[in-house]
C-alpha atoms as a PDB file:
ATOM      1  CA  UNK A   1       0.000   0.000   0.000  1.00  0.00           C
ATOM      2  CA  UNK A   2       1.297   3.454  -0.841  1.00  0.00           C
ATOM      3  CA  UNK A   3       2.220   5.815   1.998  1.00  0.00           C
ATOM      4  CA  UNK A   4      -0.872   7.716   3.101  1.00  0.00           C
ATOM      5  CA  UNK A   5      -3.217   5.398   1.159  1.00  0.00           C
ATOM      6  CA  UNK A   6      -5.943   3.872   3.282  1.00  0.00           C
ATOM      7  CA  UNK A   7      -7.630   0.573   2.603  1.00  0.00           C
ATOM      8  CA  UNK A   8     -11.272   0.704   1.542  1.00  0.00           C
ATOM      9  CA  UNK A   9     -13.593   0.992   4.578  1.00  0.00           C
ATOM     10  CA  UNK A  10     -16.171  -1.797   4.885  1.00  0.00           C
ATOM     11  CA  UNK A  11     -19.276  -1.073   2.840  1.00  0.00           C
ATOM     12  CA  UNK A  12     -17.615   1.725   0.847  1.00  0.00           C
ATOM     13  CA  UNK A  13     -17.667   0.956  -2.874  1.00  0.00           C
ATOM     14  CA  UNK A  14     -14.614   1.409  -5.069  1.00  0.00           C
ATOM     15  CA  UNK A  15     -16.408   4.064  -7.114  1.00  0.00           C
ATOM     16  CA  UNK A  16     -17.385   6.048  -4.008  1.00  0.00           C
ATOM     17  CA  UNK A  17     -13.839   5.870  -2.654  1.00  0.00           C
ATOM     18  CA  UNK A  18     -12.365   6.970  -5.989  1.00  0.00           C
ATOM     19  CA  UNK A  19     -14.769   9.898  -6.101  1.00  0.00           C
ATOM     20  CA  UNK A  20     -13.842  11.034  -2.597  1.00  0.00           C
ATOM     21  CA  UNK A  21     -10.123  10.749  -3.324  1.00  0.00           C
ATOM     22  CA  UNK A  22     -10.545  12.688  -6.551  1.00  0.00           C
ATOM     23  CA  UNK A  23     -12.108  15.609  -4.714  1.00  0.00           C
ATOM     24  CA  UNK A  24      -8.710  16.236  -3.166  1.00  0.00           C
ATOM     25  CA  UNK A  25      -6.669  15.643  -6.301  1.00  0.00           C
ATOM     26  CA  UNK A  26      -6.103  19.348  -6.858  1.00  0.00           C
ATOM     27  CA  UNK A  27      -4.008  19.389  -3.692  1.00  0.00           C
ATOM     28  CA  UNK A  28      -1.563  16.788  -5.058  1.00  0.00           C
ATOM     29  CA  UNK A  29       1.887  18.054  -6.119  1.00  0.00           C
ATOM     30  CA  UNK A  30       2.043  18.623  -9.865  1.00  0.00           C
ATOM     31  CA  UNK A  31       4.794  20.194 -11.941  1.00  0.00           C
ATOM     32  CA  UNK A  32       3.383  22.029 -14.925  1.00  0.00           C
ATOM     33  CA  UNK A  33       5.046  22.349 -18.290  1.00  0.00           C
ATOM     34  CA  UNK A  34       7.671  25.032 -18.639  1.00  0.00           C
ATOM     35  CA  UNK A  35       9.299  26.678 -21.613  1.00  0.00           C
ATOM     36  CA  UNK A  36       8.492  26.357 -25.295  1.00  0.00           C
ATOM     37  CA  UNK A  37       5.310  27.116 -27.182  1.00  0.00           C
ATOM     38  CA  UNK A  38       2.000  25.671 -26.075  1.00  0.00           C
ATOM     39  CA  UNK A  39       1.410  23.570 -29.164  1.00  0.00           C
ATOM     40  CA  UNK A  40       3.600  22.183 -31.871  1.00  0.00           C
ATOM     41  CA  UNK A  41       2.856  22.717 -35.519  1.00  0.00           C
ATOM     42  CA  UNK A  42       1.810  19.902 -37.820  1.00  0.00           C
ATOM     43  CA  UNK A  43       0.260  16.756 -36.361  1.00  0.00           C
ATOM     44  CA  UNK A  44       0.904  17.879 -32.783  1.00  0.00           C
ATOM     45  CA  UNK A  45      -1.109  21.066 -33.157  1.00  0.00           C
ATOM     46  CA  UNK A  46      -4.413  21.244 -31.316  1.00  0.00           C
ATOM     47  CA  UNK A  47      -7.450  21.751 -33.515  1.00  0.00           C
ATOM     48  CA  UNK A  48      -9.230  23.796 -30.880  1.00  0.00           C
ATOM     49  CA  UNK A  49      -8.112  26.838 -28.930  1.00  0.00           C
ATOM     50  CA  UNK A  50      -8.942  25.354 -25.524  1.00  0.00           C
ATOM     51  CA  UNK A  51      -7.503  21.911 -26.431  1.00  0.00           C
ATOM     52  CA  UNK A  52     -10.696  20.349 -25.117  1.00  0.00           C
ATOM     53  CA  UNK A  53     -12.412  19.659 -28.437  1.00  0.00           C
ATOM     54  CA  UNK A  54     -11.339  17.920 -31.604  1.00  0.00           C
ATOM     55  CA  UNK A  55     -12.868  20.345 -34.060  1.00  0.00           C
ATOM     56  CA  UNK A  56     -14.142  17.434 -36.188  1.00  0.00           C
ATOM     57  CA  UNK A  57     -15.431  14.673 -33.926  1.00  0.00           C
ATOM     58  CA  UNK A  58     -16.984  11.665 -35.688  1.00  0.00           C
ATOM     59  CA  UNK A  59     -20.375  10.520 -34.448  1.00  0.00           C
ATOM     60  CA  UNK A  60     -20.148   8.246 -31.444  1.00  0.00           C
ATOM     61  CA  UNK A  61     -21.726   5.311 -33.294  1.00  0.00           C
ATOM     62  CA  UNK A  62     -19.463   5.586 -36.345  1.00  0.00           C
ATOM     63  CA  UNK A  63     -16.536   3.977 -34.559  1.00  0.00           C
ATOM     64  CA  UNK A  64     -15.776   0.247 -34.707  1.00  0.00           C
ATOM     65  CA  UNK A  65     -16.617  -2.191 -31.920  1.00  0.00           C
ATOM     66  CA  UNK A  66     -15.096  -5.469 -30.819  1.00  0.00           C
ATOM     67  CA  UNK A  67     -11.655  -4.435 -29.631  1.00  0.00           C
ATOM     68  CA  UNK A  68      -8.388  -4.677 -31.536  1.00  0.00           C
ATOM     69  CA  UNK A  69      -9.657  -7.657 -33.558  1.00  0.00           C
ATOM     70  CA  UNK A  70     -11.713  -5.089 -35.498  1.00  0.00           C
ATOM     71  CA  UNK A  71      -8.551  -3.360 -36.757  1.00  0.00           C
ATOM     72  CA  UNK A  72      -8.793  -5.044 -40.141  1.00  0.00           C
ATOM     73  CA  UNK A  73      -7.285  -2.322 -42.330  1.00  0.00           C
ATOM     74  CA  UNK A  74      -4.095  -1.518 -40.457  1.00  0.00           C
ATOM     75  CA  UNK A  75      -2.068  -1.336 -43.661  1.00  0.00           C
ATOM     76  CA  UNK A  76      -3.931   1.846 -44.553  1.00  0.00           C
ATOM     77  CA  UNK A  77      -3.343   3.646 -41.259  1.00  0.00           C
ATOM     78  CA  UNK A  78      -1.378   6.836 -41.949  1.00  0.00           C
ATOM     79  CA  UNK A  79       1.815   7.940 -40.254  1.00  0.00           C
ATOM     80  CA  UNK A  80       0.682  10.845 -38.044  1.00  0.00           C
ATOM     81  CA  UNK A  81       4.221  12.197 -37.758  1.00  0.00           C
ATOM     82  CA  UNK A  82       5.122  12.990 -41.361  1.00  0.00           C
ATOM     83  CA  UNK A  83       5.215  16.734 -40.675  1.00  0.00           C
ATOM     84  CA  UNK A  84       8.044  17.669 -38.341  1.00  0.00           C
ATOM     85  CA  UNK A  85       6.957  19.910 -35.450  1.00  0.00           C
ATOM     86  CA  UNK A  86       8.605  23.321 -35.363  1.00  0.00           C
ATOM     87  CA  UNK A  87       8.129  23.870 -31.618  1.00  0.00           C
ATOM     88  CA  UNK A  88       7.854  21.272 -28.877  1.00  0.00           C
ATOM     89  CA  UNK A  89       6.330  22.149 -25.504  1.00  0.00           C
ATOM     90  CA  UNK A  90       7.290  20.067 -22.509  1.00  0.00           C
ATOM     91  CA  UNK A  91       4.461  17.806 -21.458  1.00  0.00           C
ATOM     92  CA  UNK A  92       3.357  18.431 -17.883  1.00  0.00           C
ATOM     93  CA  UNK A  93       4.498  16.047 -15.195  1.00  0.00           C
ATOM     94  CA  UNK A  94       1.512  14.584 -13.367  1.00  0.00           C
ATOM     95  CA  UNK A  95       0.985  12.187 -10.504  1.00  0.00           C
ATOM     96  CA  UNK A  96       2.015   8.565 -11.059  1.00  0.00           C
ATOM     97  CA  UNK A  97      -1.150   7.410  -9.317  1.00  0.00           C
ATOM     98  CA  UNK A  98      -1.706   4.362  -7.098  1.00  0.00           C
ATOM     99  CA  UNK A  99      -2.497   1.886  -9.903  1.00  0.00           C
ATOM    100  CA  UNK A 100       1.008   1.090 -11.113  1.00  0.00           C
ATOM    101  CA  UNK A 101       2.522  -2.396 -11.309  1.00  0.00           C
ATOM    102  CA  UNK A 102       6.050  -3.770 -11.434  1.00  0.00           C
ATOM    103  CA  UNK A 103       5.225  -5.733 -14.584  1.00  0.00           C
ATOM    104  CA  UNK A 104       6.717  -4.470 -17.847  1.00  0.00           C
ATOM    105  CA  UNK A 105       5.283  -6.285 -20.847  1.00  0.00           C
ATOM    106  CA  UNK A 106       6.936  -5.247 -24.097  1.00  0.00           C
ATOM    107  CA  UNK A 107       4.129  -5.617 -26.613  1.00  0.00           C
ATOM    108  CA  UNK A 108       2.122  -3.711 -29.188  1.00  0.00           C
ATOM    109  CA  UNK A 109      -1.372  -5.058 -28.481  1.00  0.00           C
ATOM    110  CA  UNK A 110      -2.159  -4.406 -24.828  1.00  0.00           C
ATOM    111  CA  UNK A 111      -5.865  -5.269 -24.940  1.00  0.00           C
ATOM    112  CA  UNK A 112      -5.667  -8.964 -23.977  1.00  0.00           C
ATOM    113  CA  UNK A 113      -8.830  -9.524 -25.995  1.00  0.00           C
ATOM    114  CA  UNK A 114     -11.040  -6.999 -24.217  1.00  0.00           C
ATOM    115  CA  UNK A 115     -13.828  -5.424 -26.196  1.00  0.00           C
ATOM    116  CA  UNK A 116     -14.361  -1.735 -26.924  1.00  0.00           C
ATOM    117  CA  UNK A 117     -13.550   0.891 -29.523  1.00  0.00           C
ATOM    118  CA  UNK A 118     -10.184  -0.107 -31.060  1.00  0.00           C
ATOM    119  CA  UNK A 119      -7.455   2.527 -30.761  1.00  0.00           C
ATOM    120  CA  UNK A 120      -4.021   2.788 -32.351  1.00  0.00           C
ATOM    121  CA  UNK A 121      -2.066   4.943 -29.904  1.00  0.00           C
ATOM    122  CA  UNK A 122       0.967   6.463 -31.659  1.00  0.00           C
ATOM    123  CA  UNK A 123       3.450   8.532 -29.674  1.00  0.00           C
ATOM    124  CA  UNK A 124       6.586  10.347 -30.771  1.00  0.00           C
ATOM    125  CA  UNK A 125       9.050  11.166 -27.995  1.00  0.00           C
ATOM    126  CA  UNK A 126      11.239  14.228 -28.556  1.00  0.00           C
ATOM    127  CA  UNK A 127      13.317  16.716 -26.620  1.00  0.00           C
ATOM    128  CA  UNK A 128      12.604  20.437 -26.367  1.00  0.00           C
ATOM    129  CA  UNK A 129      14.438  21.076 -29.649  1.00  0.00           C
ATOM    130  CA  UNK A 130      12.085  18.555 -31.330  1.00  0.00           C
ATOM    131  CA  UNK A 131      14.882  16.017 -31.865  1.00  0.00           C
ATOM    132  CA  UNK A 132      13.565  12.428 -31.632  1.00  0.00           C
ATOM    133  CA  UNK A 133      14.626  10.337 -28.657  1.00  0.00           C
ATOM    134  CA  UNK A 134      15.469   6.835 -29.847  1.00  0.00           C
ATOM    135  CA  UNK A 135      15.841   3.833 -27.560  1.00  0.00           C
ATOM    136  CA  UNK A 136      13.784   5.136 -24.651  1.00  0.00           C
ATOM    137  CA  UNK A 137      11.075   3.006 -23.069  1.00  0.00           C
ATOM    138  CA  UNK A 138       7.471   4.163 -23.115  1.00  0.00           C
ATOM    139  CA  UNK A 139       5.097   2.517 -20.643  1.00  0.00           C
ATOM    140  CA  UNK A 140       1.339   3.026 -20.784  1.00  0.00           C
ATOM    141  CA  UNK A 141      -1.559   1.896 -18.612  1.00  0.00           C
ATOM    142  CA  UNK A 142      -5.242   2.738 -18.503  1.00  0.00           C
ATOM    143  CA  UNK A 143      -8.610   1.351 -17.500  1.00  0.00           C
ATOM    144  CA  UNK A 144     -10.881  -1.164 -19.178  1.00  0.00           C
ATOM    145  CA  UNK A 145     -14.228  -0.198 -20.679  1.00  0.00           C
ATOM    146  CA  UNK A 146     -15.723  -0.680 -17.210  1.00  0.00           C
ATOM    147  CA  UNK A 147     -13.275   1.710 -15.559  1.00  0.00           C
ATOM    148  CA  UNK A 148     -10.972  -0.832 -13.883  1.00  0.00           C
ATOM    149  CA  UNK A 149      -7.211  -1.174 -13.898  1.00  0.00           C
ATOM    150  CA  UNK A 150      -5.479  -4.553 -13.868  1.00  0.00           C
ATOM    151  CA  UNK A 151      -2.469  -6.191 -12.275  1.00  0.00           C
ATOM    152  CA  UNK A 152      -0.942  -6.393  -8.829  1.00  0.00           C
ATOM    153  CA  UNK A 153      -1.035  -2.741  -7.796  1.00  0.00           C
ATOM    154  CA  UNK A 154      -0.085  -1.072  -4.495  1.00  0.00           C
ATOM    155  CA  UNK A 155      -3.812  -0.651  -3.795  1.00  0.00           C
ATOM    156  CA  UNK A 156      -5.920  -3.331  -5.477  1.00  0.00           C
ATOM    157  CA  UNK A 157      -9.035  -2.415  -3.500  1.00  0.00           C
ATOM    158  CA  UNK A 158      -8.918   1.036  -5.020  1.00  0.00           C
ATOM    159  CA  UNK A 159      -7.718   0.199  -8.523  1.00  0.00           C
ATOM    160  CA  UNK A 160      -9.516  -3.043  -9.405  1.00  0.00           C
ATOM    161  CA  UNK A 161     -13.241  -3.669  -9.874  1.00  0.00           C
ATOM    162  CA  UNK A 162     -12.718  -7.392  -9.315  1.00  0.00           C
ATOM    163  CA  UNK A 163     -10.085  -9.243  -7.298  1.00  0.00           C
ATOM    164  CA  UNK A 164      -9.470 -11.572 -10.253  1.00  0.00           C
ATOM    165  CA  UNK A 165      -8.089  -8.655 -12.276  1.00  0.00           C
ATOM    166  CA  UNK A 166      -4.948  -8.771 -10.103  1.00  0.00           C
ATOM    167  CA  UNK A 167      -3.771 -11.778 -12.142  1.00  0.00           C
ATOM    168  CA  UNK A 168      -4.297  -9.971 -15.458  1.00  0.00           C
ATOM    169  CA  UNK A 169      -2.381  -7.199 -17.221  1.00  0.00           C
ATOM    170  CA  UNK A 170      -4.943  -5.787 -19.640  1.00  0.00           C
ATOM    171  CA  UNK A 171      -4.258  -2.315 -20.990  1.00  0.00           C
ATOM    172  CA  UNK A 172      -0.672  -2.260 -19.791  1.00  0.00           C
ATOM    173  CA  UNK A 173       2.379  -2.425 -21.984  1.00  0.00           C
ATOM    174  CA  UNK A 174       5.735  -1.005 -22.991  1.00  0.00           C
ATOM    175  CA  UNK A 175       7.585  -0.269 -26.206  1.00  0.00           C
ATOM    176  CA  UNK A 176      11.042   1.060 -27.044  1.00  0.00           C
ATOM    177  CA  UNK A 177      11.137   4.041 -29.393  1.00  0.00           C
ATOM    178  CA  UNK A 178      12.578   3.543 -32.867  1.00  0.00           C
ATOM    179  CA  UNK A 179      15.075   5.817 -34.606  1.00  0.00           C
ATOM    180  CA  UNK A 180      12.277   8.366 -35.164  1.00  0.00           C
ATOM    181  CA  UNK A 181      11.347   8.335 -31.479  1.00  0.00           C
ATOM    182  CA  UNK A 182       8.050   6.601 -32.274  1.00  0.00           C
ATOM    183  CA  UNK A 183       6.104   3.834 -30.551  1.00  0.00           C
ATOM    184  CA  UNK A 184       2.629   2.472 -31.295  1.00  0.00           C
ATOM    185  CA  UNK A 185       0.198   0.492 -29.153  1.00  0.00           C
ATOM    186  CA  UNK A 186      -3.046  -1.229 -30.101  1.00  0.00           C
ATOM    187  CA  UNK A 187      -5.608  -0.804 -27.360  1.00  0.00           C
ATOM    188  CA  UNK A 188      -9.236   0.209 -26.707  1.00  0.00           C
ATOM    189  CA  UNK A 189     -10.818   3.489 -25.686  1.00  0.00           C
ATOM    190  CA  UNK A 190     -10.687   3.611 -21.871  1.00  0.00           C
ATOM    191  CA  UNK A 191     -13.644   3.601 -19.524  1.00  0.00           C
ATOM    192  CA  UNK A 192     -14.230   6.110 -16.748  1.00  0.00           C
ATOM    193  CA  UNK A 193     -14.349   6.087 -12.983  1.00  0.00           C
ATOM    194  CA  UNK A 194     -15.621   8.814 -10.642  1.00  0.00           C
ATOM    195  CA  UNK A 195     -13.628  11.960 -10.139  1.00  0.00           C
ATOM    196  CA  UNK A 196     -11.335  11.719 -13.180  1.00  0.00           C
ATOM    197  CA  UNK A 197     -11.527  12.671 -16.838  1.00  0.00           C
ATOM    198  CA  UNK A 198     -10.686   9.701 -19.076  1.00  0.00           C
ATOM    199  CA  UNK A 199      -6.920   9.413 -19.408  1.00  0.00           C
ATOM    200  CA  UNK A 200      -3.962   7.217 -20.346  1.00  0.00           C
ATOM    201  CA  UNK A 201      -0.918   7.109 -18.079  1.00  0.00           C
ATOM    202  CA  UNK A 202       2.452   7.472 -19.816  1.00  0.00           C
ATOM    203  CA  UNK A 203       5.892   6.976 -18.315  1.00  0.00           C
ATOM    204  CA  UNK A 204       9.156   7.584 -20.173  1.00  0.00           C
ATOM    205  CA  UNK A 205      12.268   5.751 -18.984  1.00  0.00           C
ATOM    206  CA  UNK A 206      15.846   6.304 -20.130  1.00  0.00           C
ATOM    207  CA  UNK A 207      18.359   3.590 -19.245  1.00  0.00           C
ATOM    208  CA  UNK A 208      15.823   2.225 -16.785  1.00  0.00           C
ATOM    209  CA  UNK A 209      15.354   5.516 -14.943  1.00  0.00           C
ATOM    210  CA  UNK A 210      12.045   7.373 -15.084  1.00  0.00           C
ATOM    211  CA  UNK A 211      12.476  10.728 -16.809  1.00  0.00           C
ATOM    212  CA  UNK A 212       8.836  11.805 -17.190  1.00  0.00           C
ATOM    213  CA  UNK A 213       5.417  10.704 -15.925  1.00  0.00           C
ATOM    214  CA  UNK A 214       2.326  12.222 -17.449  1.00  0.00           C
ATOM    215  CA  UNK A 215      -1.252  11.569 -18.548  1.00  0.00           C
ATOM    216  CA  UNK A 216      -2.843  11.980 -21.972  1.00  0.00           C
ATOM    217  CA  UNK A 217      -6.486  12.878 -22.514  1.00  0.00           C
ATOM    218  CA  UNK A 218      -9.050  12.634 -25.298  1.00  0.00           C
ATOM    219  CA  UNK A 219     -10.911  15.676 -26.714  1.00  0.00           C
ATOM    220  CA  UNK A 220     -14.030  16.132 -24.627  1.00  0.00           C
ATOM    221  CA  UNK A 221     -16.434  16.259 -27.578  1.00  0.00           C
ATOM    222  CA  UNK A 222     -15.119  12.902 -28.775  1.00  0.00           C
ATOM    223  CA  UNK A 223     -15.622  11.372 -25.329  1.00  0.00           C
ATOM    224  CA  UNK A 224     -19.149  12.772 -25.086  1.00  0.00           C
ATOM    225  CA  UNK A 225     -20.114  11.359 -28.483  1.00  0.00           C
ATOM    226  CA  UNK A 226     -18.713   7.918 -27.668  1.00  0.00           C
ATOM    227  CA  UNK A 227     -20.505   7.617 -24.334  1.00  0.00           C
ATOM    228  CA  UNK A 228     -23.719   8.877 -25.911  1.00  0.00           C
ATOM    229  CA  UNK A 229     -23.969   6.667 -28.988  1.00  0.00           C
ATOM    230  CA  UNK A 230     -21.313   3.964 -29.129  1.00  0.00           C
ATOM    231  CA  UNK A 231     -22.995   0.602 -28.417  1.00  0.00           C
ATOM    232  CA  UNK A 232     -20.140  -0.579 -26.183  1.00  0.00           C
ATOM    233  CA  UNK A 233     -20.034   2.570 -24.043  1.00  0.00           C
ATOM    234  CA  UNK A 234     -23.492   4.164 -23.911  1.00  0.00           C
ATOM    235  CA  UNK A 235     -24.695   1.893 -21.097  1.00  0.00           C
ATOM    236  CA  UNK A 236     -22.046   3.339 -18.762  1.00  0.00           C
ATOM    237  CA  UNK A 237     -23.428   6.882 -19.055  1.00  0.00           C
ATOM    238  CA  UNK A 238     -21.407  10.057 -19.375  1.00  0.00           C
ATOM    239  CA  UNK A 239     -18.200  10.444 -17.349  1.00  0.00           C
ATOM    240  CA  UNK A 240     -18.876  12.498 -14.238  1.00  0.00           C
ATOM    241  CA  UNK A 241     -15.720  14.613 -14.565  1.00  0.00           C
ATOM    242  CA  UNK A 242     -14.804  17.192 -17.198  1.00  0.00           C
ATOM    243  CA  UNK A 243     -11.473  18.911 -17.767  1.00  0.00           C
ATOM    244  CA  UNK A 244     -12.811  21.833 -15.728  1.00  0.00           C
ATOM    245  CA  UNK A 245     -13.421  19.634 -12.677  1.00  0.00           C
ATOM    246  CA  UNK A 246     -10.589  17.099 -13.040  1.00  0.00           C
ATOM    247  CA  UNK A 247      -8.023  17.644 -10.290  1.00  0.00           C
ATOM    248  CA  UNK A 248      -5.052  16.873 -12.541  1.00  0.00           C
ATOM    249  CA  UNK A 249      -6.136  18.886 -15.581  1.00  0.00           C
ATOM    250  CA  UNK A 250      -7.383  21.782 -13.465  1.00  0.00           C
ATOM    251  CA  UNK A 251      -3.915  22.240 -11.970  1.00  0.00           C
ATOM    252  CA  UNK A 252      -2.409  22.844 -15.420  1.00  0.00           C
ATOM    253  CA  UNK A 253      -2.873  26.301 -16.980  1.00  0.00           C
ATOM    254  CA  UNK A 254      -5.323  26.197 -19.888  1.00  0.00           C
ATOM    255  CA  UNK A 255      -2.653  27.520 -22.262  1.00  0.00           C
ATOM    256  CA  UNK A 256      -0.415  24.551 -21.373  1.00  0.00           C
ATOM    257  CA  UNK A 257      -2.979  21.749 -21.803  1.00  0.00           C
ATOM    258  CA  UNK A 258      -2.665  21.194 -25.570  1.00  0.00           C
ATOM    259  CA  UNK A 259       0.383  18.877 -25.217  1.00  0.00           C
ATOM    260  CA  UNK A 260      -1.765  16.584 -23.038  1.00  0.00           C
ATOM    261  CA  UNK A 261      -4.711  16.194 -25.439  1.00  0.00           C
ATOM    262  CA  UNK A 262      -4.470  13.495 -28.090  1.00  0.00           C
ATOM    263  CA  UNK A 263      -5.081  14.234 -31.770  1.00  0.00           C
ATOM    264  CA  UNK A 264      -7.631  11.782 -33.138  1.00  0.00           C
ATOM    265  CA  UNK A 265      -8.806  10.524 -36.524  1.00  0.00           C
ATOM    266  CA  UNK A 266     -11.168   7.776 -37.678  1.00  0.00           C
ATOM    267  CA  UNK A 267      -9.611   5.026 -39.792  1.00  0.00           C
ATOM    268  CA  UNK A 268     -11.366   3.262 -42.696  1.00  0.00           C
ATOM    269  CA  UNK A 269     -12.145   0.235 -40.502  1.00  0.00           C
ATOM    270  CA  UNK A 270     -13.650   2.447 -37.791  1.00  0.00           C
ATOM    271  CA  UNK A 271     -10.664   2.292 -35.456  1.00  0.00           C
ATOM    272  CA  UNK A 272      -9.374   5.465 -33.813  1.00  0.00           C
ATOM    273  CA  UNK A 273      -5.887   6.776 -34.485  1.00  0.00           C
ATOM    274  CA  UNK A 274      -4.839   8.741 -31.406  1.00  0.00           C
ATOM    275  CA  UNK A 275      -1.447  10.418 -31.650  1.00  0.00           C
ATOM    276  CA  UNK A 276       0.774  12.913 -29.908  1.00  0.00           C
ATOM    277  CA  UNK A 277       4.286  14.300 -29.931  1.00  0.00           C
ATOM    278  CA  UNK A 278       5.476  13.995 -26.322  1.00  0.00           C
ATOM    279  CA  UNK A 279       8.262  16.345 -25.288  1.00  0.00           C
ATOM    280  CA  UNK A 280      10.074  15.116 -22.201  1.00  0.00           C
ATOM    281  CA  UNK A 281      13.382  16.951 -21.770  1.00  0.00           C
ATOM    282  CA  UNK A 282      14.427  20.555 -21.637  1.00  0.00           C
END
């Protein structure tokens, strides 16, 4: 158990506990981005001034279902990093969170067969001069469609919806960046839990040492459409937390949020391409 983390009181549901903890998230230490412009040009540029909307969100029911098995036209997926960014803003450092594990599974498909909207998550890791960082490890983890993490975490009662999930590692994985600083994961659109906007945890490690921990978010209009109309997500209802009320996002100045919001596009097979240039060193 993490220092200061209490076990779940009897009769208190995981969702209620998460909601109560999230109310105090704004008080957690958080180092905001510093230096550089707020958004890079090209594929890393936000399509909306407040970085909270996509500017061209597909309808929530136009996306594919069935998890990564539905990614049947991968050969046609474009490279989202063909245009070199001209300015690279440091991505904000955020809390690691209590739902980490010691497991590091180097793999592209992290879904372990779970259902949901299939997502190709493409990340390009660069330094503040926009030079690609090759050979660094990128770890990601996020929740299932039902809002649960997996694995043996420091606080399973908080992080897992079911005890059996402790023996699983769904939606966790690692990749090493290529010569262009790029990694790609096949996953599914995350679910939500009380008190947090939907997010993907990202950790960058160089020579085994953590050099940046952050979280990436989806445009809010995209999330709203998915949880309104997508057949796999509509039954869960709308997430209860927006960027404006999320303790992590709220602590970051609005002008510095663009590097945290993924750029999205719909592929021909209905999968989502979510991409971002992630700047991690000064």
